[in-house]
């Protein structure tokens, strides 16, 4: 646990990049096939369809892990039913000053203030175009869009639009990220008026009707979430992603962070993992109840086990995503979750995941 988490992440992404770009390498092909045999699970009961997009299973990789899309054509080999790339911004940017990623092992959590470090939208276009030629994507690919740090808040809509215009033909769905706590002022874009301007600009350009989601913060009040639900309906969004990381530090067991010797309360950034689990599920349940299940939800926050995923699905999430759980639990986690979900279906006499969505609200 002493290894620097950001260094370890960079090494992981370098390895994934080699695997993703080795089109004629026999070793890479063999490794891909071995990963699929060990980590993937196919069962028609796990399939989902959202806005015309088919998902082999409901467990996806959350945004933040593959910021530049370097592993877009190999995430399927790890068992994921879909992968969300980014957050990508129109302008490339280095992100915040390290250290900016901290493990909280006693809490099974991560504190990050990365600050949307990425190579920019144009670089992602080049990367995804190249990877699709090497090996076509076999699972849906989402692209999470953020605001460039140098772009003023009043021109945020144009910034999001520029990224979308470049990438709109390369993603199966898109996400407007206005909820990261690590870009100054970004969360103010969740205000109904400002978010409405962004969604209006994107949907005007969205002539191919790519599914568009908004990712919201867990720290919003119920009235603010209700306002976003109204926007989702009026702008014909595909749904909402609940939730991003939290700025709350309530109940943390970790008292001192390894790198800085400071407490989590003294360090800026968002918390992901187990401390987020209950609140994200509460938000999912609220959205589902307020909309009678008419606004699809992708649930994310503290998913480590099949029980965690089932809790979010029965609360109202049609799909779920993991990031911190996958870091702590390792590559076998997705298959374990899928196996557990099939057991849950059998125990409840259900024939598909779609039948389980929201059943905990009845």
Protein backbone atom coordinates (compact mmCIF):
# COMPACT_ATOMS: atom_id res chain seq x y z
CA UNK A 1 0.00 0.00 0.00
CA UNK A 2 3.09 2.29 0.12
CA UNK A 3 3.36 2.62 -3.66
CA UNK A 4 2.29 6.05 -4.91
CA UNK A 5 -1.23 5.53 -6.33
CA UNK A 6 -0.82 7.97 -9.21
CA UNK A 7 2.46 6.36 -10.29
CA UNK A 8 0.82 2.94 -10.12
CA UNK A 9 -2.10 4.20 -12.19
CA UNK A 10 0.26 5.53 -14.87
CA UNK A 11 2.01 2.16 -15.06
CA UNK A 12 -1.35 0.41 -15.43
CA UNK A 13 -2.39 2.74 -18.24
CA UNK A 14 0.95 2.21 -20.02
CA UNK A 15 0.39 -1.55 -19.94
CA UNK A 16 -3.17 -1.14 -21.20
CA UNK A 17 -1.93 1.07 -24.02
CA UNK A 18 0.51 -1.64 -25.13
CA UNK A 19 -2.27 -4.23 -25.05
CA UNK A 20 -4.69 -1.95 -26.91
CA UNK A 21 -2.29 -1.04 -29.73
CA UNK A 22 -0.65 -4.45 -30.34
CA UNK A 23 -2.69 -5.42 -33.39
CA UNK A 24 -0.39 -8.14 -34.77
CA UNK A 25 1.31 -9.26 -31.58
CA UNK A 26 0.54 -12.93 -30.89
CA UNK A 27 1.30 -12.48 -27.19
CA UNK A 28 -1.18 -9.59 -26.93
CA UNK A 29 -3.88 -11.61 -28.70
CA UNK A 30 -3.24 -14.56 -26.40
CA UNK A 31 -3.34 -12.34 -23.32
CA UNK A 32 -6.62 -10.78 -24.45
CA UNK A 33 -8.18 -14.20 -24.92
CA UNK A 34 -6.97 -15.35 -21.49
CA UNK A 35 -8.40 -12.24 -19.86
CA UNK A 36 -11.76 -12.87 -21.52
CA UNK A 37 -11.83 -16.50 -20.37
CA UNK A 38 -10.99 -15.56 -16.79
CA UNK A 39 -12.81 -12.26 -16.30
CA UNK A 40 -15.83 -12.18 -18.60
CA UNK A 41 -19.29 -13.62 -18.04
CA UNK A 42 -21.95 -13.69 -20.75
CA UNK A 43 -25.60 -14.32 -19.93
CA UNK A 44 -28.61 -12.88 -21.74
CA UNK A 45 -30.30 -12.16 -18.39
CA UNK A 46 -27.65 -9.53 -17.71
CA UNK A 47 -28.28 -7.56 -20.90
CA UNK A 48 -29.70 -4.05 -20.78
CA UNK A 49 -30.85 -1.57 -23.41
CA UNK A 50 -30.80 2.16 -22.76
CA UNK A 51 -31.76 4.68 -25.43
CA UNK A 52 -31.18 2.10 -28.15
CA UNK A 53 -27.71 1.16 -26.89
CA UNK A 54 -27.21 -2.52 -26.04
CA UNK A 55 -25.16 -3.43 -22.97
CA UNK A 56 -24.00 -7.04 -22.51
CA UNK A 57 -24.10 -6.53 -18.77
CA UNK A 58 -24.92 -3.63 -16.41
CA UNK A 59 -21.47 -3.15 -14.83
CA UNK A 60 -19.30 -0.44 -16.36
CA UNK A 61 -16.02 1.32 -15.72
CA UNK A 62 -16.64 4.80 -14.31
CA UNK A 63 -15.07 7.93 -15.74
CA UNK A 64 -11.74 9.01 -14.27
CA UNK A 65 -9.77 5.82 -14.74
CA UNK A 66 -9.15 6.04 -18.49
CA UNK A 67 -9.00 9.79 -19.00
CA UNK A 68 -7.59 9.72 -22.54
CA UNK A 69 -9.21 6.54 -23.87
CA UNK A 70 -5.99 4.58 -24.14
CA UNK A 71 -7.68 1.27 -23.24
CA UNK A 72 -10.96 1.80 -25.07
CA UNK A 73 -10.71 -1.40 -27.11
CA UNK A 74 -9.61 -3.70 -24.26
CA UNK A 75 -11.95 -2.84 -21.37
CA UNK A 76 -14.34 -5.50 -22.64
CA UNK A 77 -11.65 -8.12 -21.90
CA UNK A 78 -11.91 -7.23 -18.20
CA UNK A 79 -15.59 -8.14 -18.11
CA UNK A 80 -17.08 -4.65 -18.23
CA UNK A 81 -20.38 -4.18 -20.03
CA UNK A 82 -19.39 -0.63 -20.97
CA UNK A 83 -16.64 1.89 -20.27
CA UNK A 84 -16.83 5.64 -19.75
CA UNK A 85 -13.77 7.55 -20.88
CA UNK A 86 -12.58 10.94 -19.64
CA UNK A 87 -13.20 13.35 -18.16
CA UNK A 88 -11.95 15.03 -21.33
CA UNK A 89 -11.77 18.80 -21.82
CA UNK A 90 -11.53 20.80 -25.02
CA UNK A 91 -8.11 22.17 -24.03
CA UNK A 92 -5.42 19.80 -22.82
CA UNK A 93 -4.46 20.49 -19.22
CA UNK A 94 -2.08 19.10 -16.59
CA UNK A 95 -4.56 19.12 -13.72
CA UNK A 96 -3.79 20.11 -10.17
CA UNK A 97 -0.38 20.01 -8.51
CA UNK A 98 0.62 16.62 -6.99
CA UNK A 99 0.16 15.03 -4.60
CA UNK A 100 -3.46 14.83 -5.71
CA UNK A 101 -4.48 11.19 -5.22
CA UNK A 102 -4.68 9.55 -1.79
CA UNK A 103 -5.76 6.14 -0.57
CA UNK A 104 -7.92 5.88 2.54
CA UNK A 105 -7.57 2.13 3.15
CA UNK A 106 -9.40 2.08 6.50
CA UNK A 107 -12.42 3.51 4.68
CA UNK A 108 -11.98 1.59 1.41
CA UNK A 109 -11.96 4.98 -0.24
CA UNK A 110 -9.91 7.31 -2.41
CA UNK A 111 -9.50 11.07 -2.10
CA UNK A 112 -8.66 12.76 -5.39
CA UNK A 113 -8.22 16.28 -6.64
CA UNK A 114 -6.81 15.42 -10.06
CA UNK A 115 -8.41 18.44 -11.74
CA UNK A 116 -9.36 16.94 -15.10
CA UNK A 117 -5.78 16.18 -16.18
CA UNK A 118 -6.05 14.98 -19.78
CA UNK A 119 -4.58 15.44 -23.26
CA UNK A 120 -7.61 17.25 -24.66
CA UNK A 121 -10.46 16.43 -27.02
CA UNK A 122 -8.39 16.47 -30.24
CA UNK A 123 -5.93 13.95 -28.79
CA UNK A 124 -8.80 11.68 -27.75
CA UNK A 125 -10.20 11.81 -31.29
CA UNK A 126 -6.85 10.64 -32.66
CA UNK A 127 -6.51 7.93 -30.02
CA UNK A 128 -10.00 6.48 -30.46
CA UNK A 129 -9.81 6.61 -34.26
CA UNK A 130 -6.57 4.66 -34.17
CA UNK A 131 -7.80 2.10 -31.64
CA UNK A 132 -11.00 1.41 -33.60
CA UNK A 133 -8.89 0.56 -36.65
CA UNK A 134 -6.75 -1.86 -34.62
CA UNK A 135 -9.63 -3.59 -32.83
CA UNK A 136 -13.28 -2.45 -33.01
CA UNK A 137 -14.94 -1.61 -29.72
CA UNK A 138 -17.10 -4.53 -28.59
CA UNK A 139 -18.85 -2.73 -25.73
CA UNK A 140 -20.54 0.69 -25.59
CA UNK A 141 -18.10 3.54 -25.02
CA UNK A 142 -19.23 6.63 -23.14
CA UNK A 143 -17.34 9.93 -23.17
CA UNK A 144 -17.43 12.19 -20.14
CA UNK A 145 -17.10 15.88 -21.00
CA UNK A 146 -15.76 18.54 -18.62
CA UNK A 147 -15.05 22.25 -18.74
CA UNK A 148 -11.48 23.39 -19.42
CA UNK A 149 -10.03 25.19 -16.42
CA UNK A 150 -9.01 28.20 -18.53
CA UNK A 151 -12.55 28.68 -19.85
CA UNK A 152 -14.64 31.22 -17.91
CA UNK A 153 -17.86 29.88 -16.41
CA UNK A 154 -19.94 32.23 -18.57
CA UNK A 155 -18.65 30.57 -21.76
CA UNK A 156 -18.79 27.00 -20.42
CA UNK A 157 -21.49 25.97 -22.90
CA UNK A 158 -19.21 26.74 -25.85
CA UNK A 159 -16.37 24.77 -24.25
CA UNK A 160 -18.51 21.66 -23.79
CA UNK A 161 -19.89 22.09 -27.31
CA UNK A 162 -16.43 22.23 -28.89
CA UNK A 163 -15.47 18.92 -27.28
CA UNK A 164 -18.77 17.32 -28.29
CA UNK A 165 -18.40 18.46 -31.91
CA UNK A 166 -15.01 16.76 -32.13
CA UNK A 167 -16.01 13.52 -30.41
CA UNK A 168 -19.70 13.04 -31.26
CA UNK A 169 -19.07 10.28 -33.82
CA UNK A 170 -16.78 8.29 -31.53
CA UNK A 171 -18.91 7.77 -28.41
CA UNK A 172 -22.02 5.66 -27.90
CA UNK A 173 -23.21 8.06 -25.20
CA UNK A 174 -22.00 11.33 -23.67
CA UNK A 175 -21.94 12.73 -20.16
CA UNK A 176 -21.95 16.36 -19.08
CA UNK A 177 -19.78 16.51 -15.98
CA UNK A 178 -20.71 19.57 -13.94
CA UNK A 179 -20.16 17.92 -10.57
CA UNK A 180 -16.44 17.40 -10.00
CA UNK A 181 -15.27 19.32 -6.93
CA UNK A 182 -11.77 19.74 -8.37
CA UNK A 183 -12.28 22.46 -11.01
CA UNK A 184 -12.96 25.91 -9.48
CA UNK A 185 -16.60 26.90 -9.86
CA UNK A 186 -17.58 23.83 -11.85
CA UNK A 187 -20.31 22.69 -9.49
CA UNK A 188 -22.06 26.04 -9.91
CA UNK A 189 -22.87 24.84 -13.43
CA UNK A 190 -25.41 22.49 -11.83
CA UNK A 191 -27.57 25.59 -11.38
CA UNK A 192 -30.65 25.14 -13.55
CA UNK A 193 -30.04 28.24 -15.69
CA UNK A 194 -26.36 27.54 -16.42
CA UNK A 195 -26.86 23.82 -16.97
CA UNK A 196 -29.79 24.57 -19.24
CA UNK A 197 -27.56 26.68 -21.48
CA UNK A 198 -25.07 23.82 -21.82
CA UNK A 199 -27.75 21.24 -22.59
CA UNK A 200 -29.44 23.52 -25.13
CA UNK A 201 -26.17 23.99 -27.00
CA UNK A 202 -25.33 20.28 -27.00
CA UNK A 203 -28.76 19.04 -28.05
CA UNK A 204 -28.88 21.57 -30.90
CA UNK A 205 -25.69 19.95 -32.25
CA UNK A 206 -26.79 16.41 -31.38
CA UNK A 207 -28.44 15.67 -34.72
CA UNK A 208 -27.56 11.98 -34.53
CA UNK A 209 -29.38 11.76 -31.18
CA UNK A 210 -26.53 10.34 -29.15
CA UNK A 211 -27.74 9.58 -25.59
CA UNK A 212 -26.79 12.47 -23.32
CA UNK A 213 -26.50 12.18 -19.52
CA UNK A 214 -25.70 14.63 -16.75
CA UNK A 215 -23.51 13.51 -13.83
CA UNK A 216 -24.56 15.10 -10.56
CA UNK A 217 -22.93 15.64 -7.18
CA UNK A 218 -24.05 13.69 -4.11
CA UNK A 219 -23.89 16.87 -2.02
CA UNK A 220 -26.81 18.62 -3.75
CA UNK A 221 -30.01 19.21 -1.81
CA UNK A 222 -33.24 17.54 -2.90
CA UNK A 223 -34.62 20.75 -4.41
CA UNK A 224 -31.53 21.20 -6.60
CA UNK A 225 -31.74 17.56 -7.72
CA UNK A 226 -35.42 18.08 -8.54
CA UNK A 227 -34.46 21.06 -10.72
CA UNK A 228 -31.98 18.88 -12.62
CA UNK A 229 -34.64 16.20 -13.07
CA UNK A 230 -36.87 18.85 -14.68
CA UNK A 231 -34.01 19.82 -16.99
CA UNK A 232 -33.45 16.18 -17.90
CA UNK A 233 -37.05 15.93 -18.97
CA UNK A 234 -37.28 19.24 -20.82
CA UNK A 235 -34.01 18.65 -22.71
CA UNK A 236 -34.86 15.01 -23.46
CA UNK A 237 -31.77 13.63 -21.78
CA UNK A 238 -31.09 9.91 -21.83
CA UNK A 239 -30.76 10.01 -18.06
CA UNK A 240 -28.69 11.00 -15.03
CA UNK A 241 -25.54 9.58 -13.47
CA UNK A 242 -25.67 9.48 -9.67
CA UNK A 243 -23.22 10.35 -8.33
CA UNK A 244 -19.82 12.00 -8.55
CA UNK A 245 -17.40 12.14 -5.59
CA UNK A 246 -18.40 13.82 -2.34
CA UNK A 247 -16.81 16.70 -0.47
CA UNK A 248 -18.20 15.34 2.80
CA UNK A 249 -15.71 13.95 5.31
CA UNK A 250 -18.31 12.61 7.72
CA UNK A 251 -17.53 9.32 9.45
CA UNK A 252 -14.07 8.74 7.98
CA UNK A 253 -11.85 6.31 9.90
CA UNK A 254 -8.61 7.43 8.24
CA UNK A 255 -7.06 10.10 10.43
CA UNK A 256 -3.79 10.90 8.62
CA UNK A 257 -2.87 10.70 4.93
CA UNK A 258 0.46 9.02 4.12
CA UNK A 259 1.84 11.59 1.71
CA UNK A 260 1.19 14.83 3.57
CA UNK A 261 0.65 13.89 7.19
CA UNK A 262 -2.55 15.93 7.09
CA UNK A 263 -6.06 14.76 7.91
CA UNK A 264 -8.61 14.15 5.11
CA UNK A 265 -10.47 17.18 6.43
CA UNK A 266 -7.44 19.36 5.72
CA UNK A 267 -7.03 18.15 2.13
CA UNK A 268 -9.20 19.37 -0.75
CA UNK A 269 -10.76 16.90 -3.17
CA UNK A 270 -13.59 14.45 -3.62
CA UNK A 271 -14.06 11.15 -1.78
CA UNK A 272 -15.05 7.99 -3.65
CA UNK A 273 -15.61 4.44 -2.45
CA UNK A 274 -17.50 3.07 0.54
CA UNK A 275 -18.15 6.46 2.25
CA UNK A 276 -20.12 7.49 -0.85
CA UNK A 277 -22.22 4.33 -1.11
CA UNK A 278 -25.23 5.19 1.03
CA UNK A 279 -25.65 8.74 -0.23
CA UNK A 280 -25.40 7.79 -3.90
CA UNK A 281 -28.06 5.11 -3.37
CA UNK A 282 -30.31 7.66 -1.65
CA UNK A 283 -29.97 9.99 -4.64
CA UNK A 284 -30.74 7.14 -7.06
CA UNK A 285 -33.86 6.25 -5.08
CA UNK A 286 -34.99 9.88 -5.01
CA UNK A 287 -34.61 10.31 -8.77
CA UNK A 288 -36.41 7.06 -9.48
CA UNK A 289 -39.31 7.92 -7.17
CA UNK A 290 -39.62 11.49 -8.44
CA UNK A 291 -39.75 10.33 -12.06
CA UNK A 292 -41.65 7.05 -11.59
CA UNK A 293 -38.70 5.42 -13.26
CA UNK A 294 -39.07 7.45 -16.44
CA UNK A 295 -35.56 8.99 -16.29
CA UNK A 296 -32.92 6.23 -16.58
CA UNK A 297 -30.15 6.28 -13.98
CA UNK A 298 -26.56 5.06 -14.02
CA UNK A 299 -25.55 4.42 -10.41
CA UNK A 300 -22.01 4.87 -9.15
CA UNK A 301 -20.49 5.15 -5.70
CA UNK A 302 -19.09 2.50 -3.38
CA UNK A 303 -19.74 -0.60 -5.49
CA UNK A 304 -17.46 -3.42 -4.35
CA UNK A 305 -19.77 -6.45 -4.30
CA UNK A 306 -22.82 -7.94 -6.00
CA UNK A 307 -24.85 -6.83 -2.98
CA UNK A 308 -23.71 -3.24 -3.54
CA UNK A 309 -24.67 -3.38 -7.22
CA UNK A 310 -28.01 -5.05 -6.46
CA UNK A 311 -28.82 -2.35 -3.90
CA UNK A 312 -28.37 0.37 -6.50
CA UNK A 313 -30.24 -1.53 -9.22
CA UNK A 314 -33.24 -2.20 -6.98
CA UNK A 315 -33.14 1.45 -5.87
CA UNK A 316 -33.59 2.45 -9.52
CA UNK A 317 -30.30 2.27 -11.45
CA UNK A 318 -30.49 0.59 -14.85
CA UNK A 319 -26.68 0.41 -15.04
CA UNK A 320 -23.92 0.73 -12.46
CA UNK A 321 -20.29 1.80 -12.58
CA UNK A 322 -17.23 1.12 -10.47
CA UNK A 323 -13.82 2.71 -10.07
CA UNK A 324 -12.58 2.67 -6.48
CA UNK A 325 -14.00 -0.81 -5.88
CA UNK A 326 -12.11 -2.17 -8.89
CA UNK A 327 -8.87 -0.64 -7.55
CA UNK A 328 -9.28 -2.29 -4.16
CA UNK A 329 -10.83 -5.59 -5.24
CA UNK A 330 -8.83 -6.25 -8.42
CA UNK A 331 -9.77 -7.46 -11.93
CA UNK A 332 -11.85 -10.45 -10.76
CA UNK A 333 -14.36 -8.11 -9.14
CA UNK A 334 -16.55 -7.60 -12.22
CA UNK A 335 -17.06 -11.32 -12.79
CA UNK A 336 -17.85 -11.82 -9.09
CA UNK A 337 -20.45 -9.06 -9.24
CA UNK A 338 -22.06 -10.50 -12.38
CA UNK A 339 -22.17 -13.99 -10.88
CA UNK A 340 -23.77 -12.56 -7.75
CA UNK A 341 -26.35 -10.61 -9.78
CA UNK A 342 -27.41 -13.81 -11.55
CA UNK A 343 -27.87 -15.44 -8.15
CA UNK A 344 -29.98 -12.46 -7.03
CA UNK A 345 -32.19 -12.83 -10.12
CA UNK A 346 -32.73 -16.51 -9.41
CA UNK A 347 -33.51 -15.89 -5.74
CA UNK A 348 -36.15 -13.32 -6.69
CA UNK A 349 -37.65 -15.30 -9.57
CA UNK A 350 -36.64 -12.70 -12.15
CA UNK A 351 -35.61 -13.30 -15.75
CA UNK A 352 -33.59 -10.14 -16.40
CA UNK A 353 -31.81 -7.23 -14.77
CA UNK A 354 -34.38 -4.83 -16.23
CA UNK A 355 -37.07 -6.52 -14.11
CA UNK A 356 -35.05 -5.73 -10.96
CA UNK A 357 -34.65 -1.99 -11.66
CA UNK A 358 -36.50 -0.04 -8.99
CA UNK A 359 -38.15 -3.06 -7.42
CA UNK A 360 -36.95 -1.91 -4.00
CA UNK A 361 -39.25 1.12 -4.26
CA UNK A 362 -42.49 -0.81 -4.54
